[in-house]
Amino acid sequence: MSDLLNTPEIDGKEITMLVIDALAASAGVPADRVDPNGTLGDIPGMESVKALRAVSRIEESLRIVLPDDFLFETATVAELAAFVAGLAREELAREGR
């Protein structure tokens, strides 16, 4: 489990790295092959099932639940990471941290 939610602030760069790592692991490629400014389709080997695995990894790491359609609401990996960071911040606020 990630320590990111155990800190008073969510670091956007750390969330971006967590998202990139989850996407890379799910696609079976090194993290440096995931361009933050690229789309999921730009990740070598990425398929919809693998993207869903990445979502599960992110949810488990941050103890959040992502909406079913959020992958379609974000254009780039960086936007996806920003969305995840926003939800993580909301979760912290809800928990009163």
PDB file of N, CA and C in Angstrom:
ATOM      1  N   MET A   1       0.836  -1.174   0.000  1.00  0.00           N
ATOM      2  CA  MET A   1       0.000   0.000   0.000  1.00  0.00           C
ATOM      3  C   MET A   1       0.884   1.241   0.000  1.00  0.00           C
ATOM      4  N   SER A   2       0.444   2.262  -0.635  1.00  0.00           N
ATOM      5  CA  SER A   2       1.230   3.482  -0.774  1.00  0.00           C
ATOM      6  C   SER A   2       1.193   4.316   0.499  1.00  0.00           C
ATOM      7  N   ASP A   3       2.300   4.988   0.770  1.00  0.00           N
ATOM      8  CA  ASP A   3       2.350   5.918   1.892  1.00  0.00           C
ATOM      9  C   ASP A   3       1.817   7.290   1.499  1.00  0.00           C
ATOM     10  N   LEU A   4       1.426   7.466   0.253  1.00  0.00           N
ATOM     11  CA  LEU A   4       0.994   8.777  -0.225  1.00  0.00           C
ATOM     12  C   LEU A   4      -0.204   9.310   0.546  1.00  0.00           C
ATOM     13  N   LEU A   5      -1.094   8.437   0.971  1.00  0.00           N
ATOM     14  CA  LEU A   5      -2.266   8.910   1.706  1.00  0.00           C
ATOM     15  C   LEU A   5      -1.981   9.086   3.194  1.00  0.00           C
ATOM     16  N   ASN A   6      -0.787   8.732   3.623  1.00  0.00           N
ATOM     17  CA  ASN A   6      -0.422   8.916   5.024  1.00  0.00           C
ATOM     18  C   ASN A   6       0.309  10.228   5.249  1.00  0.00           C
ATOM     19  N   THR A   7       0.383  11.061   4.211  1.00  0.00           N
ATOM     20  CA  THR A   7       1.025  12.361   4.312  1.00  0.00           C
ATOM     21  C   THR A   7      -0.044  13.439   4.242  1.00  0.00           C
ATOM     22  N   PRO A   8       0.227  14.622   4.822  1.00  0.00           N
ATOM     23  CA  PRO A   8      -0.789  15.671   4.831  1.00  0.00           C
ATOM     24  C   PRO A   8      -1.125  16.208   3.447  1.00  0.00           C
ATOM     25  N   GLU A   9      -0.212  16.100   2.509  1.00  0.00           N
ATOM     26  CA  GLU A   9      -0.471  16.602   1.163  1.00  0.00           C
ATOM     27  C   GLU A   9      -0.175  15.518   0.142  1.00  0.00           C
ATOM     28  N   ILE A  10      -0.932  15.548  -0.923  1.00  0.00           N
ATOM     29  CA  ILE A  10      -0.713  14.618  -2.021  1.00  0.00           C
ATOM     30  C   ILE A  10       0.258  15.268  -2.994  1.00  0.00           C
ATOM     31  N   ASP A  11       1.353  14.609  -3.268  1.00  0.00           N
ATOM     32  CA  ASP A  11       2.361  15.111  -4.196  1.00  0.00           C
ATOM     33  C   ASP A  11       1.998  14.658  -5.607  1.00  0.00           C
ATOM     34  N   GLY A  12       1.724  15.622  -6.478  1.00  0.00           N
ATOM     35  CA  GLY A  12       1.323  15.313  -7.849  1.00  0.00           C
ATOM     36  C   GLY A  12       2.355  14.500  -8.608  1.00  0.00           C
ATOM     37  N   LYS A  13       3.640  14.775  -8.362  1.00  0.00           N
ATOM     38  CA  LYS A  13       4.697  14.024  -9.052  1.00  0.00           C
ATOM     39  C   LYS A  13       4.714  12.572  -8.601  1.00  0.00           C
ATOM     40  N   GLU A  14       4.506  12.352  -7.311  1.00  0.00           N
ATOM     41  CA  GLU A  14       4.477  10.977  -6.804  1.00  0.00           C
ATOM     42  C   GLU A  14       3.278  10.219  -7.355  1.00  0.00           C
ATOM     43  N   ILE A  15       2.143  10.889  -7.446  1.00  0.00           N
ATOM     44  CA  ILE A  15       0.956  10.248  -8.020  1.00  0.00           C
ATOM     45  C   ILE A  15       1.209   9.929  -9.484  1.00  0.00           C
ATOM     46  N   THR A  16       1.818  10.861 -10.208  1.00  0.00           N
ATOM     47  CA  THR A  16       2.125  10.617 -11.620  1.00  0.00           C
ATOM     48  C   THR A  16       3.018   9.392 -11.756  1.00  0.00           C
ATOM     49  N   MET A  17       4.033   9.277 -10.906  1.00  0.00           N
ATOM     50  CA  MET A  17       4.920   8.110 -10.973  1.00  0.00           C
ATOM     51  C   MET A  17       4.176   6.827 -10.622  1.00  0.00           C
ATOM     52  N   LEU A  18       3.284   6.889  -9.644  1.00  0.00           N
ATOM     53  CA  LEU A  18       2.501   5.716  -9.282  1.00  0.00           C
ATOM     54  C   LEU A  18       1.640   5.277 -10.460  1.00  0.00           C
ATOM     55  N   VAL A  19       0.996   6.230 -11.128  1.00  0.00           N
ATOM     56  CA  VAL A  19       0.152   5.925 -12.286  1.00  0.00           C
ATOM     57  C   VAL A  19       1.000   5.355 -13.421  1.00  0.00           C
ATOM     58  N   ILE A  20       2.133   5.984 -13.693  1.00  0.00           N
ATOM     59  CA  ILE A  20       3.020   5.494 -14.757  1.00  0.00           C
ATOM     60  C   ILE A  20       3.494   4.079 -14.436  1.00  0.00           C
ATOM     61  N   ASP A  21       3.892   3.843 -13.201  1.00  0.00           N
ATOM     62  CA  ASP A  21       4.351   2.509 -12.812  1.00  0.00           C
ATOM     63  C   ASP A  21       3.245   1.468 -12.974  1.00  0.00           C
ATOM     64  N   ALA A  22       2.021   1.820 -12.587  1.00  0.00           N
ATOM     65  CA  ALA A  22       0.899   0.889 -12.722  1.00  0.00           C
ATOM     66  C   ALA A  22       0.608   0.587 -14.187  1.00  0.00           C
ATOM     67  N   LEU A  23       0.628   1.624 -15.020  1.00  0.00           N
ATOM     68  CA  LEU A  23       0.383   1.422 -16.452  1.00  0.00           C
ATOM     69  C   LEU A  23       1.489   0.582 -17.078  1.00  0.00           C
ATOM     70  N   ALA A  24       2.729   0.892 -16.739  1.00  0.00           N
ATOM     71  CA  ALA A  24       3.865   0.154 -17.297  1.00  0.00           C
ATOM     72  C   ALA A  24       3.823  -1.315 -16.879  1.00  0.00           C
ATOM     73  N   ALA A  25       3.586  -1.561 -15.597  1.00  0.00           N
ATOM     74  CA  ALA A  25       3.531  -2.940 -15.108  1.00  0.00           C
ATOM     75  C   ALA A  25       2.413  -3.716 -15.791  1.00  0.00           C
ATOM     76  N   SER A  26       1.273  -3.085 -15.963  1.00  0.00           N
ATOM     77  CA  SER A  26       0.140  -3.756 -16.601  1.00  0.00           C
ATOM     78  C   SER A  26       0.391  -4.035 -18.076  1.00  0.00           C
ATOM     79  N   ALA A  27       1.113  -3.131 -18.733  1.00  0.00           N
ATOM     80  CA  ALA A  27       1.415  -3.312 -20.159  1.00  0.00           C
ATOM     81  C   ALA A  27       2.648  -4.189 -20.366  1.00  0.00           C
ATOM     82  N   GLY A  28       3.417  -4.411 -19.308  1.00  0.00           N
ATOM     83  CA  GLY A  28       4.614  -5.225 -19.420  1.00  0.00           C
ATOM     84  C   GLY A  28       5.780  -4.510 -20.076  1.00  0.00           C
ATOM     85  N   VAL A  29       5.871  -3.199 -19.827  1.00  0.00           N
ATOM     86  CA  VAL A  29       6.967  -2.403 -20.396  1.00  0.00           C
ATOM     87  C   VAL A  29       7.653  -1.626 -19.275  1.00  0.00           C
ATOM     88  N   PRO A  30       8.896  -1.180 -19.502  1.00  0.00           N
ATOM     89  CA  PRO A  30       9.551  -0.335 -18.498  1.00  0.00           C
ATOM     90  C   PRO A  30       8.815   1.000 -18.359  1.00  0.00           C
ATOM     91  N   ALA A  31       8.871   1.576 -17.169  1.00  0.00           N
ATOM     92  CA  ALA A  31       8.172   2.839 -16.909  1.00  0.00           C
ATOM     93  C   ALA A  31       8.625   3.955 -17.835  1.00  0.00           C
ATOM     94  N   ASP A  32       9.881   3.911 -18.285  1.00  0.00           N
ATOM     95  CA  ASP A  32      10.349   4.986 -19.166  1.00  0.00           C
ATOM     96  C   ASP A  32       9.737   4.926 -20.562  1.00  0.00           C
ATOM     97  N   ARG A  33       8.968   3.883 -20.845  1.00  0.00           N
ATOM     98  CA  ARG A  33       8.262   3.787 -22.126  1.00  0.00           C
ATOM     99  C   ARG A  33       6.880   4.441 -22.068  1.00  0.00           C
ATOM    100  N   VAL A  34       6.483   4.910 -20.886  1.00  0.00           N
ATOM    101  CA  VAL A  34       5.184   5.569 -20.708  1.00  0.00           C
ATOM    102  C   VAL A  34       5.419   7.073 -20.688  1.00  0.00           C
ATOM    103  N   ASP A  35       4.945   7.751 -21.718  1.00  0.00           N
ATOM    104  CA  ASP A  35       5.090   9.203 -21.849  1.00  0.00           C
ATOM    105  C   ASP A  35       3.937   9.887 -21.120  1.00  0.00           C
ATOM    106  N   PRO A  36       4.223  10.717 -20.114  1.00  0.00           N
ATOM    107  CA  PRO A  36       3.142  11.407 -19.407  1.00  0.00           C
ATOM    108  C   PRO A  36       2.259  12.245 -20.328  1.00  0.00           C
ATOM    109  N   ASN A  37       2.824  12.723 -21.424  1.00  0.00           N
ATOM    110  CA  ASN A  37       2.044  13.535 -22.357  1.00  0.00           C
ATOM    111  C   ASN A  37       1.388  12.703 -23.448  1.00  0.00           C
ATOM    112  N   GLY A  38       1.607  11.404 -23.415  1.00  0.00           N
ATOM    113  CA  GLY A  38       1.003  10.516 -24.402  1.00  0.00           C
ATOM    114  C   GLY A  38      -0.320   9.957 -23.910  1.00  0.00           C
ATOM    115  N   THR A  39      -0.996   9.270 -24.795  1.00  0.00           N
ATOM    116  CA  THR A  39      -2.266   8.633 -24.454  1.00  0.00           C
ATOM    117  C   THR A  39      -2.015   7.188 -24.034  1.00  0.00           C
ATOM    118  N   LEU A  40      -3.037   6.548 -23.517  1.00  0.00           N
ATOM    119  CA  LEU A  40      -2.909   5.132 -23.178  1.00  0.00           C
ATOM    120  C   LEU A  40      -2.572   4.318 -24.418  1.00  0.00           C
ATOM    121  N   GLY A  41      -3.124   4.711 -25.554  1.00  0.00           N
ATOM    122  CA  GLY A  41      -2.859   4.016 -26.810  1.00  0.00           C
ATOM    123  C   GLY A  41      -1.421   4.124 -27.264  1.00  0.00           C
ATOM    124  N   ASP A  42      -0.693   5.097 -26.742  1.00  0.00           N
ATOM    125  CA  ASP A  42       0.723   5.259 -27.086  1.00  0.00           C
ATOM    126  C   ASP A  42       1.628   4.303 -26.308  1.00  0.00           C
ATOM    127  N   ILE A  43       1.102   3.667 -25.281  1.00  0.00           N
ATOM    128  CA  ILE A  43       1.907   2.756 -24.462  1.00  0.00           C
ATOM    129  C   ILE A  43       2.003   1.420 -25.189  1.00  0.00           C
ATOM    130  N   PRO A  44       3.225   0.975 -25.491  1.00  0.00           N
ATOM    131  CA  PRO A  44       3.376  -0.299 -26.202  1.00  0.00           C
ATOM    132  C   PRO A  44       2.713  -1.447 -25.436  1.00  0.00           C
ATOM    133  N   GLY A  45       1.908  -2.217 -26.132  1.00  0.00           N
ATOM    134  CA  GLY A  45       1.271  -3.384 -25.535  1.00  0.00           C
ATOM    135  C   GLY A  45       0.031  -3.097 -24.715  1.00  0.00           C
ATOM    136  N   MET A  46      -0.376  -1.836 -24.599  1.00  0.00           N
ATOM    137  CA  MET A  46      -1.541  -1.505 -23.777  1.00  0.00           C
ATOM    138  C   MET A  46      -2.820  -1.915 -24.493  1.00  0.00           C
ATOM    139  N   GLU A  47      -3.646  -2.642 -23.781  1.00  0.00           N
ATOM    140  CA  GLU A  47      -4.971  -3.056 -24.249  1.00  0.00           C
ATOM    141  C   GLU A  47      -5.962  -2.706 -23.150  1.00  0.00           C
ATOM    142  N   SER A  48      -7.243  -2.776 -23.472  1.00  0.00           N
ATOM    143  CA  SER A  48      -8.255  -2.375 -22.494  1.00  0.00           C
ATOM    144  C   SER A  48      -8.192  -3.215 -21.220  1.00  0.00           C
ATOM    145  N   VAL A  49      -7.971  -4.514 -21.338  1.00  0.00           N
ATOM    146  CA  VAL A  49      -7.896  -5.366 -20.148  1.00  0.00           C
ATOM    147  C   VAL A  49      -6.696  -4.965 -19.292  1.00  0.00           C
ATOM    148  N   LYS A  50      -5.589  -4.655 -19.931  1.00  0.00           N
ATOM    149  CA  LYS A  50      -4.395  -4.238 -19.192  1.00  0.00           C
ATOM    150  C   LYS A  50      -4.609  -2.880 -18.532  1.00  0.00           C
ATOM    151  N   ALA A  51      -5.339  -2.003 -19.194  1.00  0.00           N
ATOM    152  CA  ALA A  51      -5.649  -0.700 -18.600  1.00  0.00           C
ATOM    153  C   ALA A  51      -6.504  -0.884 -17.344  1.00  0.00           C
ATOM    154  N   LEU A  52      -7.435  -1.829 -17.394  1.00  0.00           N
ATOM    155  CA  LEU A  52      -8.268  -2.099 -16.221  1.00  0.00           C
ATOM    156  C   LEU A  52      -7.436  -2.672 -15.075  1.00  0.00           C
ATOM    157  N   ARG A  53      -6.427  -3.472 -15.406  1.00  0.00           N
ATOM    158  CA  ARG A  53      -5.513  -3.972 -14.366  1.00  0.00           C
ATOM    159  C   ARG A  53      -4.770  -2.811 -13.714  1.00  0.00           C
ATOM    160  N   ALA A  54      -4.362  -1.856 -14.530  1.00  0.00           N
ATOM    161  CA  ALA A  54      -3.669  -0.679 -13.994  1.00  0.00           C
ATOM    162  C   ALA A  54      -4.591   0.090 -13.055  1.00  0.00           C
ATOM    163  N   VAL A  55      -5.849   0.226 -13.438  1.00  0.00           N
ATOM    164  CA  VAL A  55      -6.829   0.909 -12.589  1.00  0.00           C
ATOM    165  C   VAL A  55      -6.920   0.207 -11.237  1.00  0.00           C
ATOM    166  N   SER A  56      -6.979  -1.116 -11.258  1.00  0.00           N
ATOM    167  CA  SER A  56      -7.049  -1.876 -10.003  1.00  0.00           C
ATOM    168  C   SER A  56      -5.822  -1.637  -9.143  1.00  0.00           C
ATOM    169  N   ARG A  57      -4.646  -1.595  -9.768  1.00  0.00           N
ATOM    170  CA  ARG A  57      -3.408  -1.340  -9.025  1.00  0.00           C
ATOM    171  C   ARG A  57      -3.456   0.040  -8.360  1.00  0.00           C
ATOM    172  N   ILE A  58      -3.919   1.027  -9.121  1.00  0.00           N
ATOM    173  CA  ILE A  58      -3.993   2.398  -8.598  1.00  0.00           C
ATOM    174  C   ILE A  58      -4.977   2.467  -7.435  1.00  0.00           C
ATOM    175  N   GLU A  59      -6.143   1.858  -7.622  1.00  0.00           N
ATOM    176  CA  GLU A  59      -7.159   1.867  -6.567  1.00  0.00           C
ATOM    177  C   GLU A  59      -6.637   1.205  -5.295  1.00  0.00           C
ATOM    178  N   GLU A  60      -5.970   0.067  -5.444  1.00  0.00           N
ATOM    179  CA  GLU A  60      -5.438  -0.639  -4.278  1.00  0.00           C
ATOM    180  C   GLU A  60      -4.334   0.165  -3.598  1.00  0.00           C
ATOM    181  N   SER A  61      -3.470   0.765  -4.385  1.00  0.00           N
ATOM    182  CA  SER A  61      -2.354   1.529  -3.823  1.00  0.00           C
ATOM    183  C   SER A  61      -2.817   2.740  -3.034  1.00  0.00           C
ATOM    184  N   LEU A  62      -3.840   3.417  -3.540  1.00  0.00           N
ATOM    185  CA  LEU A  62      -4.290   4.668  -2.920  1.00  0.00           C
ATOM    186  C   LEU A  62      -5.565   4.522  -2.094  1.00  0.00           C
ATOM    187  N   ARG A  63      -6.122   3.315  -2.084  1.00  0.00           N
ATOM    188  CA  ARG A  63      -7.372   3.065  -1.355  1.00  0.00           C
ATOM    189  C   ARG A  63      -8.474   4.043  -1.785  1.00  0.00           C
ATOM    190  N   ILE A  64      -8.624   4.169  -3.097  1.00  0.00           N
ATOM    191  CA  ILE A  64      -9.684   4.999  -3.664  1.00  0.00           C
ATOM    192  C   ILE A  64     -10.457   4.157  -4.670  1.00  0.00           C
ATOM    193  N   VAL A  65     -11.629   4.635  -5.045  1.00  0.00           N
ATOM    194  CA  VAL A  65     -12.424   3.980  -6.081  1.00  0.00           C
ATOM    195  C   VAL A  65     -12.556   4.959  -7.236  1.00  0.00           C
ATOM    196  N   LEU A  66     -12.097   4.528  -8.390  1.00  0.00           N
ATOM    197  CA  LEU A  66     -12.164   5.377  -9.579  1.00  0.00           C
ATOM    198  C   LEU A  66     -13.451   5.094 -10.336  1.00  0.00           C
ATOM    199  N   PRO A  67     -14.070   6.125 -10.911  1.00  0.00           N
ATOM    200  CA  PRO A  67     -15.294   5.919 -11.686  1.00  0.00           C
ATOM    201  C   PRO A  67     -15.020   5.010 -12.888  1.00  0.00           C
ATOM    202  N   ASP A  68     -16.028   4.253 -13.278  1.00  0.00           N
ATOM    203  CA  ASP A  68     -15.875   3.309 -14.388  1.00  0.00           C
ATOM    204  C   ASP A  68     -15.419   3.966 -15.679  1.00  0.00           C
ATOM    205  N   ASP A  69     -15.854   5.187 -15.927  1.00  0.00           N
ATOM    206  CA  ASP A  69     -15.572   5.822 -17.220  1.00  0.00           C
ATOM    207  C   ASP A  69     -14.395   6.797 -17.184  1.00  0.00           C
ATOM    208  N   PHE A  70     -13.636   6.819 -16.092  1.00  0.00           N
ATOM    209  CA  PHE A  70     -12.618   7.856 -15.983  1.00  0.00           C
ATOM    210  C   PHE A  70     -11.518   7.718 -17.030  1.00  0.00           C
ATOM    211  N   LEU A  71     -11.232   6.518 -17.500  1.00  0.00           N
ATOM    212  CA  LEU A  71     -10.214   6.352 -18.543  1.00  0.00           C
ATOM    213  C   LEU A  71     -10.613   7.075 -19.823  1.00  0.00           C
ATOM    214  N   PHE A  72     -11.903   7.187 -20.048  1.00  0.00           N
ATOM    215  CA  PHE A  72     -12.393   7.847 -21.254  1.00  0.00           C
ATOM    216  C   PHE A  72     -12.514   9.354 -21.076  1.00  0.00           C
ATOM    217  N   GLU A  73     -12.411   9.811 -19.831  1.00  0.00           N
ATOM    218  CA  GLU A  73     -12.538  11.234 -19.527  1.00  0.00           C
ATOM    219  C   GLU A  73     -11.199  11.963 -19.565  1.00  0.00           C
ATOM    220  N   THR A  74     -10.109  11.213 -19.674  1.00  0.00           N
ATOM    221  CA  THR A  74      -8.778  11.812 -19.674  1.00  0.00           C
ATOM    222  C   THR A  74      -8.085  11.501 -20.988  1.00  0.00           C
ATOM    223  N   ALA A  75      -7.391  12.492 -21.528  1.00  0.00           N
ATOM    224  CA  ALA A  75      -6.745  12.319 -22.830  1.00  0.00           C
ATOM    225  C   ALA A  75      -5.313  11.809 -22.708  1.00  0.00           C
ATOM    226  N   THR A  76      -4.593  12.252 -21.687  1.00  0.00           N
ATOM    227  CA  THR A  76      -3.186  11.873 -21.557  1.00  0.00           C
ATOM    228  C   THR A  76      -2.932  11.193 -20.211  1.00  0.00           C
ATOM    229  N   VAL A  77      -1.785  10.564 -20.108  1.00  0.00           N
ATOM    230  CA  VAL A  77      -1.381   9.938 -18.851  1.00  0.00           C
ATOM    231  C   VAL A  77      -1.294  11.001 -17.752  1.00  0.00           C
ATOM    232  N   ALA A  78      -0.780  12.175 -18.072  1.00  0.00           N
ATOM    233  CA  ALA A  78      -0.679  13.260 -17.084  1.00  0.00           C
ATOM    234  C   ALA A  78      -2.062  13.695 -16.602  1.00  0.00           C
ATOM    235  N   GLU A  79      -3.031  13.783 -17.504  1.00  0.00           N
ATOM    236  CA  GLU A  79      -4.398  14.138 -17.100  1.00  0.00           C
ATOM    237  C   GLU A  79      -4.995  13.044 -16.226  1.00  0.00           C
ATOM    238  N   LEU A  80      -4.710  11.803 -16.569  1.00  0.00           N
ATOM    239  CA  LEU A  80      -5.183  10.686 -15.769  1.00  0.00           C
ATOM    240  C   LEU A  80      -4.601  10.783 -14.354  1.00  0.00           C
ATOM    241  N   ALA A  81      -3.304  11.077 -14.259  1.00  0.00           N
ATOM    242  CA  ALA A  81      -2.647  11.213 -12.955  1.00  0.00           C
ATOM    243  C   ALA A  81      -3.231  12.382 -12.162  1.00  0.00           C
ATOM    244  N   ALA A  82      -3.516  13.488 -12.829  1.00  0.00           N
ATOM    245  CA  ALA A  82      -4.111  14.645 -12.152  1.00  0.00           C
ATOM    246  C   ALA A  82      -5.494  14.298 -11.612  1.00  0.00           C
ATOM    247  N   PHE A  83      -6.256  13.540 -12.382  1.00  0.00           N
ATOM    248  CA  PHE A  83      -7.581  13.100 -11.949  1.00  0.00           C
ATOM    249  C   PHE A  83      -7.455  12.222 -10.705  1.00  0.00           C
ATOM    250  N   VAL A  84      -6.529  11.274 -10.747  1.00  0.00           N
ATOM    251  CA  VAL A  84      -6.298  10.380  -9.607  1.00  0.00           C
ATOM    252  C   VAL A  84      -5.869  11.186  -8.379  1.00  0.00           C
ATOM    253  N   ALA A  85      -4.967  12.143  -8.564  1.00  0.00           N
ATOM    254  CA  ALA A  85      -4.513  12.975  -7.449  1.00  0.00           C
ATOM    255  C   ALA A  85      -5.680  13.750  -6.841  1.00  0.00           C
ATOM    256  N   GLY A  86      -6.558  14.263  -7.686  1.00  0.00           N
ATOM    257  CA  GLY A  86      -7.729  14.982  -7.194  1.00  0.00           C
ATOM    258  C   GLY A  86      -8.619  14.102  -6.336  1.00  0.00           C
ATOM    259  N   LEU A  87      -8.845  12.872  -6.790  1.00  0.00           N
ATOM    260  CA  LEU A  87      -9.662  11.947  -5.997  1.00  0.00           C
ATOM    261  C   LEU A  87      -8.977  11.585  -4.682  1.00  0.00           C
ATOM    262  N   ALA A  88      -7.674  11.411  -4.731  1.00  0.00           N
ATOM    263  CA  ALA A  88      -6.937  11.094  -3.505  1.00  0.00           C
ATOM    264  C   ALA A  88      -7.030  12.254  -2.512  1.00  0.00           C
ATOM    265  N   ARG A  89      -6.938  13.482  -3.013  1.00  0.00           N
ATOM    266  CA  ARG A  89      -7.073  14.659  -2.135  1.00  0.00           C
ATOM    267  C   ARG A  89      -8.474  14.718  -1.523  1.00  0.00           C
ATOM    268  N   GLU A  90      -9.489  14.420  -2.338  1.00  0.00           N
ATOM    269  CA  GLU A  90     -10.864  14.403  -1.824  1.00  0.00           C
ATOM    270  C   GLU A  90     -11.010  13.369  -0.718  1.00  0.00           C
ATOM    271  N   GLU A  91     -10.390  12.210  -0.914  1.00  0.00           N
ATOM    272  CA  GLU A  91     -10.459  11.150   0.094  1.00  0.00           C
ATOM    273  C   GLU A  91      -9.795  11.597   1.392  1.00  0.00           C
ATOM    274  N   LEU A  92      -8.657  12.257   1.291  1.00  0.00           N
ATOM    275  CA  LEU A  92      -7.988  12.780   2.487  1.00  0.00           C
ATOM    276  C   LEU A  92      -8.874  13.786   3.212  1.00  0.00           C
ATOM    277  N   ALA A  93      -9.498  14.681   2.454  1.00  0.00           N
ATOM    278  CA  ALA A  93     -10.373  15.696   3.050  1.00  0.00           C
ATOM    279  C   ALA A  93     -11.572  15.036   3.728  1.00  0.00           C
ATOM    280  N   ARG A  94     -12.116  14.021   3.077  1.00  0.00           N
ATOM    281  CA  ARG A  94     -13.276  13.319   3.629  1.00  0.00           C
ATOM    282  C   ARG A  94     -12.907  12.635   4.953  1.00  0.00           C
ATOM    283  N   GLU A  95     -11.676  12.131   5.012  1.00  0.00           N
ATOM    284  CA  GLU A  95     -11.212  11.462   6.229  1.00  0.00           C
ATOM    285  C   GLU A  95     -10.732  12.452   7.280  1.00  0.00           C
ATOM    286  N   GLY A  96     -10.696  13.746   6.928  1.00  0.00           N
ATOM    287  CA  GLY A  96     -10.285  14.771   7.870  1.00  0.00           C
ATOM    288  C   GLY A  96      -8.795  14.866   8.096  1.00  0.00           C
ATOM    289  N   ARG A  97      -8.016  14.435   7.100  1.00  0.00           N
ATOM    290  CA  ARG A  97      -6.545  14.525   7.232  1.00  0.00           C
ATOM    291  C   ARG A  97      -6.028  15.761   6.566  1.00  0.00           C
TER     292      ARG A  97
END
